[in-house]
Amino acid sequence: MAIVWQRRERVSVRDVRDEVPDLAYTTVMTTLDRLYKKGVLARHKAGRAFVYSARLDQDELHQSVARRVLGRLLGSAGGSPRPVLSGLVDTIESDDDLDELERLVRDRRQRLRREGR
């Protein structure tokens, strides 16, 4: 994904392979195809080959992965999200990060209120 994001244009399997020559062409092709099937990449036909572009920027992808992981963790918490949320907060080691978490919680509350939830 880093190569796709850096290029900021459509890339072919060969383009990516040229950036990481220690990987087999088929490995790169399979990886790009899997990312396409997961909805992370868009794919377009260019002659006989496909070219790929990012459907999500780096932050969007990280947020999507975090939401899925946290959703699974919260769903497996036996009905109470408290242990998972507490564990998350306990991993924070700086005041700046705690301030950022508080800001994010405030912003989320405001969005929920605007949506009437």
PDB file of N, CA and C in Angstrom:
ATOM      1  N   MET A   1       0.816  -1.178   0.000  1.00  0.00           N
ATOM      2  CA  MET A   1       0.000   0.000   0.000  1.00  0.00           C
ATOM      3  C   MET A   1       0.866   1.249   0.000  1.00  0.00           C
ATOM      4  N   ALA A   2       1.993   1.188   0.692  1.00  0.00           N
ATOM      5  CA  ALA A   2       2.863   2.363   0.750  1.00  0.00           C
ATOM      6  C   ALA A   2       3.291   2.790  -0.656  1.00  0.00           C
ATOM      7  N   ILE A   3       3.553   1.834  -1.517  1.00  0.00           N
ATOM      8  CA  ILE A   3       3.976   2.162  -2.883  1.00  0.00           C
ATOM      9  C   ILE A   3       2.826   2.809  -3.643  1.00  0.00           C
ATOM     10  N   VAL A   4       1.636   2.282  -3.494  1.00  0.00           N
ATOM     11  CA  VAL A   4       0.467   2.859  -4.170  1.00  0.00           C
ATOM     12  C   VAL A   4       0.233   4.277  -3.672  1.00  0.00           C
ATOM     13  N   TRP A   5       0.294   4.478  -2.355  1.00  0.00           N
ATOM     14  CA  TRP A   5       0.085   5.818  -1.798  1.00  0.00           C
ATOM     15  C   TRP A   5       1.172   6.786  -2.248  1.00  0.00           C
ATOM     16  N   GLN A   6       2.429   6.330  -2.292  1.00  0.00           N
ATOM     17  CA  GLN A   6       3.532   7.206  -2.682  1.00  0.00           C
ATOM     18  C   GLN A   6       3.411   7.647  -4.139  1.00  0.00           C
ATOM     19  N   ARG A   7       3.012   6.734  -4.995  1.00  0.00           N
ATOM     20  CA  ARG A   7       2.932   7.041  -6.426  1.00  0.00           C
ATOM     21  C   ARG A   7       1.787   8.002  -6.754  1.00  0.00           C
ATOM     22  N   ARG A   8       0.696   7.926  -5.986  1.00  0.00           N
ATOM     23  CA  ARG A   8      -0.473   8.785  -6.204  1.00  0.00           C
ATOM     24  C   ARG A   8      -1.023   8.695  -7.617  1.00  0.00           C
ATOM     25  N   GLU A   9      -0.836   7.561  -8.235  1.00  0.00           N
ATOM     26  CA  GLU A   9      -1.374   7.299  -9.568  1.00  0.00           C
ATOM     27  C   GLU A   9      -1.621   5.803  -9.668  1.00  0.00           C
ATOM     28  N   ARG A  10      -2.254   5.407 -10.722  1.00  0.00           N
ATOM     29  CA  ARG A  10      -2.488   3.975 -10.912  1.00  0.00           C
ATOM     30  C   ARG A  10      -1.154   3.260 -11.111  1.00  0.00           C
ATOM     31  N   VAL A  11      -1.064   2.068 -10.504  1.00  0.00           N
ATOM     32  CA  VAL A  11       0.167   1.289 -10.617  1.00  0.00           C
ATOM     33  C   VAL A  11      -0.164  -0.102 -11.135  1.00  0.00           C
ATOM     34  N   SER A  12       0.765  -0.651 -11.863  1.00  0.00           N
ATOM     35  CA  SER A  12       0.629  -2.020 -12.358  1.00  0.00           C
ATOM     36  C   SER A  12       1.390  -2.966 -11.434  1.00  0.00           C
ATOM     37  N   VAL A  13       1.177  -4.238 -11.641  1.00  0.00           N
ATOM     38  CA  VAL A  13       1.937  -5.236 -10.885  1.00  0.00           C
ATOM     39  C   VAL A  13       3.430  -5.009 -11.130  1.00  0.00           C
ATOM     40  N   ARG A  14       3.774  -4.740 -12.354  1.00  0.00           N
ATOM     41  CA  ARG A  14       5.194  -4.525 -12.697  1.00  0.00           C
ATOM     42  C   ARG A  14       5.757  -3.303 -11.968  1.00  0.00           C
ATOM     43  N   ASP A  15       4.963  -2.227 -11.872  1.00  0.00           N
ATOM     44  CA  ASP A  15       5.425  -1.029 -11.144  1.00  0.00           C
ATOM     45  C   ASP A  15       5.771  -1.368  -9.700  1.00  0.00           C
ATOM     46  N   VAL A  16       4.880  -2.093  -9.058  1.00  0.00           N
ATOM     47  CA  VAL A  16       5.106  -2.458  -7.655  1.00  0.00           C
ATOM     48  C   VAL A  16       6.281  -3.413  -7.557  1.00  0.00           C
ATOM     49  N   ARG A  17       6.331  -4.373  -8.444  1.00  0.00           N
ATOM     50  CA  ARG A  17       7.424  -5.372  -8.460  1.00  0.00           C
ATOM     51  C   ARG A  17       8.777  -4.687  -8.630  1.00  0.00           C
ATOM     52  N   ASP A  18       8.833  -3.641  -9.442  1.00  0.00           N
ATOM     53  CA  ASP A  18      10.092  -2.906  -9.637  1.00  0.00           C
ATOM     54  C   ASP A  18      10.564  -2.243  -8.346  1.00  0.00           C
ATOM     55  N   GLU A  19       9.620  -1.873  -7.479  1.00  0.00           N
ATOM     56  CA  GLU A  19       9.961  -1.241  -6.198  1.00  0.00           C
ATOM     57  C   GLU A  19      10.446  -2.258  -5.163  1.00  0.00           C
ATOM     58  N   VAL A  20       9.998  -3.504  -5.294  1.00  0.00           N
ATOM     59  CA  VAL A  20      10.391  -4.573  -4.353  1.00  0.00           C
ATOM     60  C   VAL A  20      10.854  -5.792  -5.152  1.00  0.00           C
ATOM     61  N   PRO A  21      12.049  -5.702  -5.726  1.00  0.00           N
ATOM     62  CA  PRO A  21      12.526  -6.755  -6.633  1.00  0.00           C
ATOM     63  C   PRO A  21      12.751  -8.111  -5.969  1.00  0.00           C
ATOM     64  N   ASP A  22      12.784  -8.145  -4.635  1.00  0.00           N
ATOM     65  CA  ASP A  22      12.996  -9.437  -3.975  1.00  0.00           C
ATOM     66  C   ASP A  22      11.704 -10.262  -3.920  1.00  0.00           C
ATOM     67  N   LEU A  23      10.568  -9.667  -4.295  1.00  0.00           N
ATOM     68  CA  LEU A  23       9.302 -10.410  -4.328  1.00  0.00           C
ATOM     69  C   LEU A  23       9.040 -10.938  -5.725  1.00  0.00           C
ATOM     70  N   ALA A  24       8.463 -12.109  -5.797  1.00  0.00           N
ATOM     71  CA  ALA A  24       8.104 -12.694  -7.087  1.00  0.00           C
ATOM     72  C   ALA A  24       6.944 -11.909  -7.693  1.00  0.00           C
ATOM     73  N   TYR A  25       6.920 -11.826  -9.005  1.00  0.00           N
ATOM     74  CA  TYR A  25       5.856 -11.138  -9.728  1.00  0.00           C
ATOM     75  C   TYR A  25       4.492 -11.683  -9.305  1.00  0.00           C
ATOM     76  N   THR A  26       4.386 -13.008  -9.214  1.00  0.00           N
ATOM     77  CA  THR A  26       3.095 -13.620  -8.854  1.00  0.00           C
ATOM     78  C   THR A  26       2.685 -13.279  -7.424  1.00  0.00           C
ATOM     79  N   THR A  27       3.646 -13.103  -6.536  1.00  0.00           N
ATOM     80  CA  THR A  27       3.338 -12.707  -5.162  1.00  0.00           C
ATOM     81  C   THR A  27       2.735 -11.310  -5.140  1.00  0.00           C
ATOM     82  N   VAL A  28       3.329 -10.394  -5.889  1.00  0.00           N
ATOM     83  CA  VAL A  28       2.810  -9.028  -5.976  1.00  0.00           C
ATOM     84  C   VAL A  28       1.419  -9.049  -6.603  1.00  0.00           C
ATOM     85  N   MET A  29       1.250  -9.825  -7.667  1.00  0.00           N
ATOM     86  CA  MET A  29      -0.040  -9.917  -8.350  1.00  0.00           C
ATOM     87  C   MET A  29      -1.116 -10.444  -7.395  1.00  0.00           C
ATOM     88  N   THR A  30      -0.806 -11.480  -6.655  1.00  0.00           N
ATOM     89  CA  THR A  30      -1.760 -12.061  -5.704  1.00  0.00           C
ATOM     90  C   THR A  30      -2.100 -11.067  -4.603  1.00  0.00           C
ATOM     91  N   THR A  31      -1.101 -10.364  -4.093  1.00  0.00           N
ATOM     92  CA  THR A  31      -1.325  -9.395  -3.022  1.00  0.00           C
ATOM     93  C   THR A  31      -2.227  -8.260  -3.498  1.00  0.00           C
ATOM     94  N   LEU A  32      -1.944  -7.704  -4.677  1.00  0.00           N
ATOM     95  CA  LEU A  32      -2.781  -6.629  -5.206  1.00  0.00           C
ATOM     96  C   LEU A  32      -4.202  -7.117  -5.456  1.00  0.00           C
ATOM     97  N   ASP A  33      -4.343  -8.333  -5.961  1.00  0.00           N
ATOM     98  CA  ASP A  33      -5.677  -8.895  -6.196  1.00  0.00           C
ATOM     99  C   ASP A  33      -6.443  -9.051  -4.886  1.00  0.00           C
ATOM    100  N   ARG A  34      -5.788  -9.505  -3.850  1.00  0.00           N
ATOM    101  CA  ARG A  34      -6.446  -9.659  -2.544  1.00  0.00           C
ATOM    102  C   ARG A  34      -6.855  -8.306  -1.960  1.00  0.00           C
ATOM    103  N   LEU A  35      -5.996  -7.325  -2.105  1.00  0.00           N
ATOM    104  CA  LEU A  35      -6.346  -5.983  -1.620  1.00  0.00           C
ATOM    105  C   LEU A  35      -7.523  -5.410  -2.412  1.00  0.00           C
ATOM    106  N   TYR A  36      -7.579  -5.705  -3.699  1.00  0.00           N
ATOM    107  CA  TYR A  36      -8.720  -5.298  -4.522  1.00  0.00           C
ATOM    108  C   TYR A  36     -10.000  -5.980  -4.029  1.00  0.00           C
ATOM    109  N   LYS A  37      -9.939  -7.279  -3.787  1.00  0.00           N
ATOM    110  CA  LYS A  37     -11.118  -8.030  -3.338  1.00  0.00           C
ATOM    111  C   LYS A  37     -11.583  -7.587  -1.953  1.00  0.00           C
ATOM    112  N   LYS A  38     -10.673  -7.069  -1.139  1.00  0.00           N
ATOM    113  CA  LYS A  38     -11.045  -6.568   0.190  1.00  0.00           C
ATOM    114  C   LYS A  38     -11.565  -5.129   0.123  1.00  0.00           C
ATOM    115  N   GLY A  39     -11.528  -4.522  -1.051  1.00  0.00           N
ATOM    116  CA  GLY A  39     -12.040  -3.168  -1.213  1.00  0.00           C
ATOM    117  C   GLY A  39     -11.049  -2.075  -0.884  1.00  0.00           C
ATOM    118  N   VAL A  40      -9.793  -2.443  -0.689  1.00  0.00           N
ATOM    119  CA  VAL A  40      -8.772  -1.455  -0.353  1.00  0.00           C
ATOM    120  C   VAL A  40      -8.238  -0.770  -1.609  1.00  0.00           C
ATOM    121  N   LEU A  41      -8.191  -1.517  -2.712  1.00  0.00           N
ATOM    122  CA  LEU A  41      -7.727  -0.985  -3.992  1.00  0.00           C
ATOM    123  C   LEU A  41      -8.856  -0.994  -5.009  1.00  0.00           C
ATOM    124  N   ALA A  42      -8.798  -0.046  -5.942  1.00  0.00           N
ATOM    125  CA  ALA A  42      -9.652  -0.069  -7.128  1.00  0.00           C
ATOM    126  C   ALA A  42      -8.815  -0.680  -8.244  1.00  0.00           C
ATOM    127  N   ARG A  43      -9.494  -1.314  -9.205  1.00  0.00           N
ATOM    128  CA  ARG A  43      -8.762  -1.969 -10.294  1.00  0.00           C
ATOM    129  C   ARG A  43      -9.399  -1.576 -11.621  1.00  0.00           C
ATOM    130  N   HIS A  44      -8.548  -1.302 -12.609  1.00  0.00           N
ATOM    131  CA  HIS A  44      -9.012  -0.908 -13.929  1.00  0.00           C
ATOM    132  C   HIS A  44      -8.208  -1.673 -14.978  1.00  0.00           C
ATOM    133  N   LYS A  45      -8.868  -2.027 -16.046  1.00  0.00           N
ATOM    134  CA  LYS A  45      -8.193  -2.737 -17.132  1.00  0.00           C
ATOM    135  C   LYS A  45      -7.386  -1.733 -17.954  1.00  0.00           C
ATOM    136  N   ALA A  46      -6.155  -2.067 -18.245  1.00  0.00           N
ATOM    137  CA  ALA A  46      -5.273  -1.243 -19.086  1.00  0.00           C
ATOM    138  C   ALA A  46      -4.602  -2.185 -20.079  1.00  0.00           C
ATOM    139  N   GLY A  47      -5.197  -2.326 -21.245  1.00  0.00           N
ATOM    140  CA  GLY A  47      -4.692  -3.303 -22.204  1.00  0.00           C
ATOM    141  C   GLY A  47      -4.996  -4.697 -21.699  1.00  0.00           C
ATOM    142  N   ARG A  48      -3.984  -5.529 -21.599  1.00  0.00           N
ATOM    143  CA  ARG A  48      -4.181  -6.897 -21.114  1.00  0.00           C
ATOM    144  C   ARG A  48      -3.964  -7.027 -19.613  1.00  0.00           C
ATOM    145  N   ALA A  49      -3.519  -5.954 -18.980  1.00  0.00           N
ATOM    146  CA  ALA A  49      -3.200  -6.006 -17.547  1.00  0.00           C
ATOM    147  C   ALA A  49      -4.171  -5.133 -16.758  1.00  0.00           C
ATOM    148  N   PHE A  50      -4.079  -5.240 -15.455  1.00  0.00           N
ATOM    149  CA  PHE A  50      -4.830  -4.369 -14.562  1.00  0.00           C
ATOM    150  C   PHE A  50      -3.891  -3.328 -13.972  1.00  0.00           C
ATOM    151  N   VAL A  51      -4.450  -2.166 -13.678  1.00  0.00           N
ATOM    152  CA  VAL A  51      -3.741  -1.164 -12.895  1.00  0.00           C
ATOM    153  C   VAL A  51      -4.574  -0.907 -11.651  1.00  0.00           C
ATOM    154  N   TYR A  52      -3.904  -0.546 -10.575  1.00  0.00           N
ATOM    155  CA  TYR A  52      -4.550  -0.414  -9.275  1.00  0.00           C
ATOM    156  C   TYR A  52      -4.351   0.990  -8.726  1.00  0.00           C
ATOM    157  N   SER A  53      -5.327   1.431  -7.947  1.00  0.00           N
ATOM    158  CA  SER A  53      -5.216   2.706  -7.245  1.00  0.00           C
ATOM    159  C   SER A  53      -5.865   2.546  -5.872  1.00  0.00           C
ATOM    160  N   ALA A  54      -5.468   3.405  -4.952  1.00  0.00           N
ATOM    161  CA  ALA A  54      -5.973   3.319  -3.579  1.00  0.00           C
ATOM    162  C   ALA A  54      -7.417   3.811  -3.525  1.00  0.00           C
ATOM    163  N   ARG A  55      -8.274   3.058  -2.844  1.00  0.00           N
ATOM    164  CA  ARG A  55      -9.648   3.503  -2.589  1.00  0.00           C
ATOM    165  C   ARG A  55      -9.714   4.294  -1.290  1.00  0.00           C
ATOM    166  N   LEU A  56      -8.734   4.062  -0.417  1.00  0.00           N
ATOM    167  CA  LEU A  56      -8.683   4.721   0.888  1.00  0.00           C
ATOM    168  C   LEU A  56      -7.307   5.342   1.066  1.00  0.00           C
ATOM    169  N   ASP A  57      -7.271   6.496   1.735  1.00  0.00           N
ATOM    170  CA  ASP A  57      -5.955   7.018   2.070  1.00  0.00           C
ATOM    171  C   ASP A  57      -5.469   6.300   3.328  1.00  0.00           C
ATOM    172  N   GLN A  58      -4.266   6.598   3.740  1.00  0.00           N
ATOM    173  CA  GLN A  58      -3.640   5.871   4.846  1.00  0.00           C
ATOM    174  C   GLN A  58      -4.454   5.982   6.139  1.00  0.00           C
ATOM    175  N   ASP A  59      -4.919   7.182   6.461  1.00  0.00           N
ATOM    176  CA  ASP A  59      -5.714   7.365   7.682  1.00  0.00           C
ATOM    177  C   ASP A  59      -7.033   6.611   7.616  1.00  0.00           C
ATOM    178  N   GLU A  60      -7.694   6.664   6.465  1.00  0.00           N
ATOM    179  CA  GLU A  60      -8.970   5.951   6.309  1.00  0.00           C
ATOM    180  C   GLU A  60      -8.787   4.448   6.489  1.00  0.00           C
ATOM    181  N   LEU A  61      -7.707   3.913   5.931  1.00  0.00           N
ATOM    182  CA  LEU A  61      -7.449   2.478   6.079  1.00  0.00           C
ATOM    183  C   LEU A  61      -7.187   2.122   7.539  1.00  0.00           C
ATOM    184  N   HIS A  62      -6.373   2.918   8.212  1.00  0.00           N
ATOM    185  CA  HIS A  62      -6.080   2.649   9.627  1.00  0.00           C
ATOM    186  C   HIS A  62      -7.353   2.715  10.464  1.00  0.00           C
ATOM    187  N   GLN A  63      -8.206   3.696  10.207  1.00  0.00           N
ATOM    188  CA  GLN A  63      -9.467   3.810  10.942  1.00  0.00           C
ATOM    189  C   GLN A  63     -10.369   2.615  10.676  1.00  0.00           C
ATOM    190  N   SER A  64     -10.421   2.189   9.440  1.00  0.00           N
ATOM    191  CA  SER A  64     -11.260   1.043   9.076  1.00  0.00           C
ATOM    192  C   SER A  64     -10.797  -0.226   9.791  1.00  0.00           C
ATOM    193  N   VAL A  65      -9.502  -0.456   9.785  1.00  0.00           N
ATOM    194  CA  VAL A  65      -8.950  -1.635  10.467  1.00  0.00           C
ATOM    195  C   VAL A  65      -9.198  -1.540  11.969  1.00  0.00           C
ATOM    196  N   ALA A  66      -8.966  -0.370  12.549  1.00  0.00           N
ATOM    197  CA  ALA A  66      -9.178  -0.193  13.992  1.00  0.00           C
ATOM    198  C   ALA A  66     -10.644  -0.432  14.354  1.00  0.00           C
ATOM    199  N   ARG A  67     -11.567   0.095  13.540  1.00  0.00           N
ATOM    200  CA  ARG A  67     -12.994  -0.126  13.818  1.00  0.00           C
ATOM    201  C   ARG A  67     -13.352  -1.609  13.784  1.00  0.00           C
ATOM    202  N   ARG A  68     -12.826  -2.324  12.783  1.00  0.00           N
ATOM    203  CA  ARG A  68     -13.122  -3.766  12.688  1.00  0.00           C
ATOM    204  C   ARG A  68     -12.559  -4.532  13.875  1.00  0.00           C
ATOM    205  N   VAL A  69     -11.309  -4.248  14.229  1.00  0.00           N
ATOM    206  CA  VAL A  69     -10.676  -4.952  15.351  1.00  0.00           C
ATOM    207  C   VAL A  69     -11.406  -4.637  16.655  1.00  0.00           C
ATOM    208  N   LEU A  70     -11.660  -3.352  16.907  1.00  0.00           N
ATOM    209  CA  LEU A  70     -12.357  -2.982  18.135  1.00  0.00           C
ATOM    210  C   LEU A  70     -13.779  -3.531  18.156  1.00  0.00           C
ATOM    211  N   GLY A  71     -14.437  -3.546  17.013  1.00  0.00           N
ATOM    212  CA  GLY A  71     -15.784  -4.121  16.942  1.00  0.00           C
ATOM    213  C   GLY A  71     -15.782  -5.584  17.341  1.00  0.00           C
ATOM    214  N   ARG A  72     -14.799  -6.310  16.861  1.00  0.00           N
ATOM    215  CA  ARG A  72     -14.688  -7.733  17.233  1.00  0.00           C
ATOM    216  C   ARG A  72     -14.367  -7.888  18.718  1.00  0.00           C
ATOM    217  N   LEU A  73     -13.449  -7.066  19.208  1.00  0.00           N
ATOM    218  CA  LEU A  73     -13.099  -7.144  20.629  1.00  0.00           C
ATOM    219  C   LEU A  73     -14.291  -6.797  21.511  1.00  0.00           C
ATOM    220  N   LEU A  74     -14.988  -5.736  21.165  1.00  0.00           N
ATOM    221  CA  LEU A  74     -16.134  -5.318  21.972  1.00  0.00           C
ATOM    222  C   LEU A  74     -17.253  -6.355  21.898  1.00  0.00           C
ATOM    223  N   GLY A  75     -17.414  -6.975  20.749  1.00  0.00           N
ATOM    224  CA  GLY A  75     -18.433  -8.007  20.599  1.00  0.00           C
ATOM    225  C   GLY A  75     -18.118  -9.252  21.392  1.00  0.00           C
ATOM    226  N   SER A  76     -16.850  -9.490  21.645  1.00  0.00           N
ATOM    227  CA  SER A  76     -16.458 -10.687  22.395  1.00  0.00           C
ATOM    228  C   SER A  76     -16.263 -10.393  23.874  1.00  0.00           C
ATOM    229  N   ALA A  77     -16.622  -9.187  24.317  1.00  0.00           N
ATOM    230  CA  ALA A  77     -16.380  -8.788  25.703  1.00  0.00           C
ATOM    231  C   ALA A  77     -17.495  -9.236  26.641  1.00  0.00           C
ATOM    232  N   GLY A  78     -18.381 -10.089  26.174  1.00  0.00           N
ATOM    233  CA  GLY A  78     -19.432 -10.607  27.040  1.00  0.00           C
ATOM    234  C   GLY A  78     -20.488  -9.581  27.405  1.00  0.00           C
ATOM    235  N   GLY A  79     -20.763  -8.651  26.488  1.00  0.00           N
ATOM    236  CA  GLY A  79     -21.818  -7.689  26.736  1.00  0.00           C
ATOM    237  C   GLY A  79     -21.357  -6.377  27.322  1.00  0.00           C
ATOM    238  N   SER A  80     -20.175  -6.324  27.890  1.00  0.00           N
ATOM    239  CA  SER A  80     -19.684  -5.080  28.475  1.00  0.00           C
ATOM    240  C   SER A  80     -18.409  -4.648  27.763  1.00  0.00           C
ATOM    241  N   PRO A  81     -18.411  -3.445  27.195  1.00  0.00           N
ATOM    242  CA  PRO A  81     -17.197  -2.956  26.531  1.00  0.00           C
ATOM    243  C   PRO A  81     -16.140  -2.447  27.517  1.00  0.00           C
ATOM    244  N   ARG A  82     -16.495  -2.344  28.797  1.00  0.00           N
ATOM    245  CA  ARG A  82     -15.603  -1.737  29.779  1.00  0.00           C
ATOM    246  C   ARG A  82     -14.204  -2.383  29.826  1.00  0.00           C
ATOM    247  N   PRO A  83     -14.073  -3.718  29.865  1.00  0.00           N
ATOM    248  CA  PRO A  83     -12.716  -4.284  29.940  1.00  0.00           C
ATOM    249  C   PRO A  83     -11.848  -3.910  28.740  1.00  0.00           C
ATOM    250  N   VAL A  84     -12.439  -3.898  27.560  1.00  0.00           N
ATOM    251  CA  VAL A  84     -11.667  -3.562  26.360  1.00  0.00           C
ATOM    252  C   VAL A  84     -11.297  -2.085  26.376  1.00  0.00           C
ATOM    253  N   LEU A  85     -12.270  -1.228  26.688  1.00  0.00           N
ATOM    254  CA  LEU A  85     -12.001   0.207  26.730  1.00  0.00           C
ATOM    255  C   LEU A  85     -10.996   0.546  27.825  1.00  0.00           C
ATOM    256  N   SER A  86     -11.122  -0.084  28.968  1.00  0.00           N
ATOM    257  CA  SER A  86     -10.182   0.128  30.059  1.00  0.00           C
ATOM    258  C   SER A  86      -8.776  -0.286  29.644  1.00  0.00           C
ATOM    259  N   GLY A  87      -8.667  -1.414  28.980  1.00  0.00           N
ATOM    260  CA  GLY A  87      -7.358  -1.871  28.498  1.00  0.00           C
ATOM    261  C   GLY A  87      -6.753  -0.903  27.503  1.00  0.00           C
ATOM    262  N   LEU A  88      -7.597  -0.356  26.633  1.00  0.00           N
ATOM    263  CA  LEU A  88      -7.124   0.633  25.665  1.00  0.00           C
ATOM    264  C   LEU A  88      -6.578   1.865  26.388  1.00  0.00           C
ATOM    265  N   VAL A  89      -7.339   2.387  27.329  1.00  0.00           N
ATOM    266  CA  VAL A  89      -6.909   3.571  28.074  1.00  0.00           C
ATOM    267  C   VAL A  89      -5.628   3.288  28.854  1.00  0.00           C
ATOM    268  N   ASP A  90      -5.527   2.099  29.424  1.00  0.00           N
ATOM    269  CA  ASP A  90      -4.335   1.747  30.201  1.00  0.00           C
ATOM    270  C   ASP A  90      -3.065   1.693  29.355  1.00  0.00           C
ATOM    271  N   THR A  91      -3.199   1.526  28.048  1.00  0.00           N
ATOM    272  CA  THR A  91      -2.011   1.470  27.187  1.00  0.00           C
ATOM    273  C   THR A  91      -1.466   2.855  26.869  1.00  0.00           C
ATOM    274  N   ILE A  92      -2.260   3.884  27.125  1.00  0.00           N
ATOM    275  CA  ILE A  92      -1.838   5.256  26.827  1.00  0.00           C
ATOM    276  C   ILE A  92      -0.842   5.705  27.888  1.00  0.00           C
ATOM    277  N   GLU A  93       0.304   6.220  27.425  1.00  0.00           N
ATOM    278  CA  GLU A  93       1.382   6.527  28.346  1.00  0.00           C
ATOM    279  C   GLU A  93       1.757   7.997  28.411  1.00  0.00           C
ATOM    280  N   SER A  94       1.037   8.857  27.700  1.00  0.00           N
ATOM    281  CA  SER A  94       1.402  10.277  27.777  1.00  0.00           C
ATOM    282  C   SER A  94       0.155  11.136  27.944  1.00  0.00           C
ATOM    283  N   ASP A  95       0.343  12.273  28.592  1.00  0.00           N
ATOM    284  CA  ASP A  95      -0.759  13.223  28.767  1.00  0.00           C
ATOM    285  C   ASP A  95      -1.277  13.712  27.419  1.00  0.00           C
ATOM    286  N   ASP A  96      -0.363  13.908  26.476  1.00  0.00           N
ATOM    287  CA  ASP A  96      -0.778  14.382  25.147  1.00  0.00           C
ATOM    288  C   ASP A  96      -1.738  13.389  24.493  1.00  0.00           C
ATOM    289  N   ASP A  97      -1.427  12.093  24.612  1.00  0.00           N
ATOM    290  CA  ASP A  97      -2.298  11.073  24.018  1.00  0.00           C
ATOM    291  C   ASP A  97      -3.645  11.016  24.740  1.00  0.00           C
ATOM    292  N   LEU A  98      -3.640  11.189  26.071  1.00  0.00           N
ATOM    293  CA  LEU A  98      -4.896  11.231  26.817  1.00  0.00           C
ATOM    294  C   LEU A  98      -5.720  12.460  26.424  1.00  0.00           C
ATOM    295  N   ASP A  99      -5.054  13.595  26.224  1.00  0.00           N
ATOM    296  CA  ASP A  99      -5.748  14.800  25.763  1.00  0.00           C
ATOM    297  C   ASP A  99      -6.380  14.560  24.396  1.00  0.00           C
ATOM    298  N   GLU A 100      -5.647  13.901  23.532  1.00  0.00           N
ATOM    299  CA  GLU A 100      -6.172  13.595  22.196  1.00  0.00           C
ATOM    300  C   GLU A 100      -7.372  12.655  22.289  1.00  0.00           C
ATOM    301  N   LEU A 101      -7.303  11.667  23.166  1.00  0.00           N
ATOM    302  CA  LEU A 101      -8.432  10.754  23.361  1.00  0.00           C
ATOM    303  C   LEU A 101      -9.660  11.518  23.860  1.00  0.00           C
ATOM    304  N   GLU A 102      -9.457  12.417  24.799  1.00  0.00           N
ATOM    305  CA  GLU A 102     -10.576  13.231  25.300  1.00  0.00           C
ATOM    306  C   GLU A 102     -11.178  14.078  24.186  1.00  0.00           C
ATOM    307  N   ARG A 103     -10.337  14.647  23.339  1.00  0.00           N
ATOM    308  CA  ARG A 103     -10.827  15.448  22.217  1.00  0.00           C
ATOM    309  C   ARG A 103     -11.650  14.593  21.265  1.00  0.00           C
ATOM    310  N   LEU A 104     -11.155  13.400  20.972  1.00  0.00           N
ATOM    311  CA  LEU A 104     -11.874  12.503  20.074  1.00  0.00           C
ATOM    312  C   LEU A 104     -13.231  12.099  20.650  1.00  0.00           C
ATOM    313  N   VAL A 105     -13.274  11.837  21.953  1.00  0.00           N
ATOM    314  CA  VAL A 105     -14.536  11.474  22.606  1.00  0.00           C
ATOM    315  C   VAL A 105     -15.505  12.654  22.543  1.00  0.00           C
ATOM    316  N   ARG A 106     -15.036  13.866  22.811  1.00  0.00           N
ATOM    317  CA  ARG A 106     -15.898  15.060  22.721  1.00  0.00           C
ATOM    318  C   ARG A 106     -16.459  15.224  21.310  1.00  0.00           C
ATOM    319  N   ASP A 107     -15.585  15.088  20.304  1.00  0.00           N
ATOM    320  CA  ASP A 107     -16.017  15.229  18.915  1.00  0.00           C
ATOM    321  C   ASP A 107     -17.068  14.184  18.551  1.00  0.00           C
ATOM    322  N   ARG A 108     -16.853  12.966  19.012  1.00  0.00           N
ATOM    323  CA  ARG A 108     -17.804  11.877  18.717  1.00  0.00           C
ATOM    324  C   ARG A 108     -19.149  12.154  19.386  1.00  0.00           C
ATOM    325  N   ARG A 109     -19.131  12.629  20.641  1.00  0.00           N
ATOM    326  CA  ARG A 109     -20.380  12.963  21.334  1.00  0.00           C
ATOM    327  C   ARG A 109     -21.153  14.031  20.567  1.00  0.00           C
ATOM    328  N   GLN A 110     -20.445  15.035  20.087  1.00  0.00           N
ATOM    329  CA  GLN A 110     -21.100  16.107  19.336  1.00  0.00           C
ATOM    330  C   GLN A 110     -21.731  15.578  18.052  1.00  0.00           C
ATOM    331  N   ARG A 111     -21.016  14.698  17.344  1.00  0.00           N
ATOM    332  CA  ARG A 111     -21.580  14.123  16.113  1.00  0.00           C
ATOM    333  C   ARG A 111     -22.823  13.295  16.413  1.00  0.00           C
ATOM    334  N   LEU A 112     -22.769  12.504  17.484  1.00  0.00           N
ATOM    335  CA  LEU A 112     -23.927  11.686  17.859  1.00  0.00           C
ATOM    336  C   LEU A 112     -25.126  12.564  18.219  1.00  0.00           C
ATOM    337  N   ARG A 113     -24.890  13.642  18.929  1.00  0.00           N
ATOM    338  CA  ARG A 113     -25.992  14.555  19.286  1.00  0.00           C
ATOM    339  C   ARG A 113     -26.603  15.193  18.047  1.00  0.00           C
ATOM    340  N   ARG A 114     -25.757  15.612  17.109  1.00  0.00           N
ATOM    341  CA  ARG A 114     -26.267  16.197  15.861  1.00  0.00           C
ATOM    342  C   ARG A 114     -27.112  15.200  15.077  1.00  0.00           C
ATOM    343  N   GLU A 115     -26.713  13.926  15.149  1.00  0.00           N
ATOM    344  CA  GLU A 115     -27.451  12.875  14.437  1.00  0.00           C
ATOM    345  C   GLU A 115     -28.680  12.426  15.207  1.00  0.00           C
ATOM    346  N   GLY A 116     -28.844  12.935  16.432  1.00  0.00           N
ATOM    347  CA  GLY A 116     -29.998  12.568  17.253  1.00  0.00           C
ATOM    348  C   GLY A 116     -29.895  11.199  17.883  1.00  0.00           C
ATOM    349  N   ARG A 117     -28.692  10.739  18.133  1.00  0.00           N
ATOM    350  CA  ARG A 117     -28.510   9.426  18.778  1.00  0.00           C
ATOM    351  C   ARG A 117     -28.090   9.565  20.206  1.00  0.00           C
TER     352      ARG A 117
END
